[in-house]
Protein backbone atom coordinates (compact mmCIF):
# COMPACT_ATOMS: atom_id res chain seq x y z
CA MET A 1 -0.19 0.45 0.15
CA ARG A 2 1.80 3.51 -0.74
CA THR A 3 0.87 6.31 1.31
CA LYS A 4 0.36 9.59 0.18
CA ARG A 5 2.53 12.41 1.69
CA LEU A 6 0.92 15.64 2.73
CA ARG A 7 3.02 18.81 2.10
CA THR A 8 1.40 21.35 4.45
CA ARG A 9 2.09 25.22 3.61
CA LEU A 10 2.06 28.53 5.94
CA SER A 11 0.41 31.31 5.00
CA LEU A 12 1.94 35.13 5.08
CA ASP A 13 -0.55 35.21 8.08
CA ASP A 14 1.11 32.31 10.08
CA TYR A 15 4.15 33.22 9.41
CA LEU A 16 3.32 36.73 10.31
CA ASP A 17 2.39 35.05 14.09
CA LEU A 18 5.00 32.86 14.34
CA LEU A 19 7.44 35.80 13.84
CA ASN A 20 5.43 37.33 16.35
CA LEU A 21 6.19 34.30 18.91
CA ALA A 22 10.32 34.64 18.12
CA ILE A 23 10.33 38.09 19.18
CA ALA A 24 8.68 37.34 22.20
CA LEU A 25 10.74 34.43 23.09
CA GLN A 26 14.02 37.03 21.75
CA ASP A 27 14.89 34.31 19.43
CA GLU A 28 17.04 36.14 16.93
CA ALA A 29 18.48 33.18 15.30
CA TRP A 30 14.38 32.54 14.25
CA GLN A 31 13.60 35.40 14.08
CA LYS A 32 16.32 35.94 10.65
CA GLU A 33 15.22 32.83 9.33
CA ILE A 34 10.67 34.21 9.38
CA THR A 35 11.76 37.09 8.15
CA ALA A 36 14.05 36.35 4.80
CA LYS A 37 10.89 33.85 4.20
CA LEU A 38 8.68 36.07 4.57
CA GLU A 39 10.65 38.48 2.50
CA LYS A 40 11.29 35.51 -0.63
CA MET A 41 7.25 35.17 0.04
CA THR A 42 6.24 39.01 -1.16
CA ALA A 43 9.09 38.88 -3.51
CA ALA A 44 7.22 36.40 -5.01
CA CYS A 45 3.64 38.23 -4.58
CA ALA A 46 5.43 41.19 -6.07
CA GLY A 47 6.21 39.31 -9.01
CA ALA A 48 3.43 37.84 -9.56
CA GLU A 49 1.45 41.22 -9.67
CA SER A 50 3.59 43.03 -11.77
CA SER A 51 3.29 39.94 -14.13
CA SER A 52 -0.52 40.04 -14.82
């Protein structure tokens, strides 16, 4: 029997919630990681909007 792998995607709001948690925990490494992901997400959104 084959099992399917499920991939969970986080939304922008989820990442913002995680960033708030990282800030509250004063975890600077995690903050940088989340911020980098958010920058990639917003750049991708901006690119999609400009090409339409």
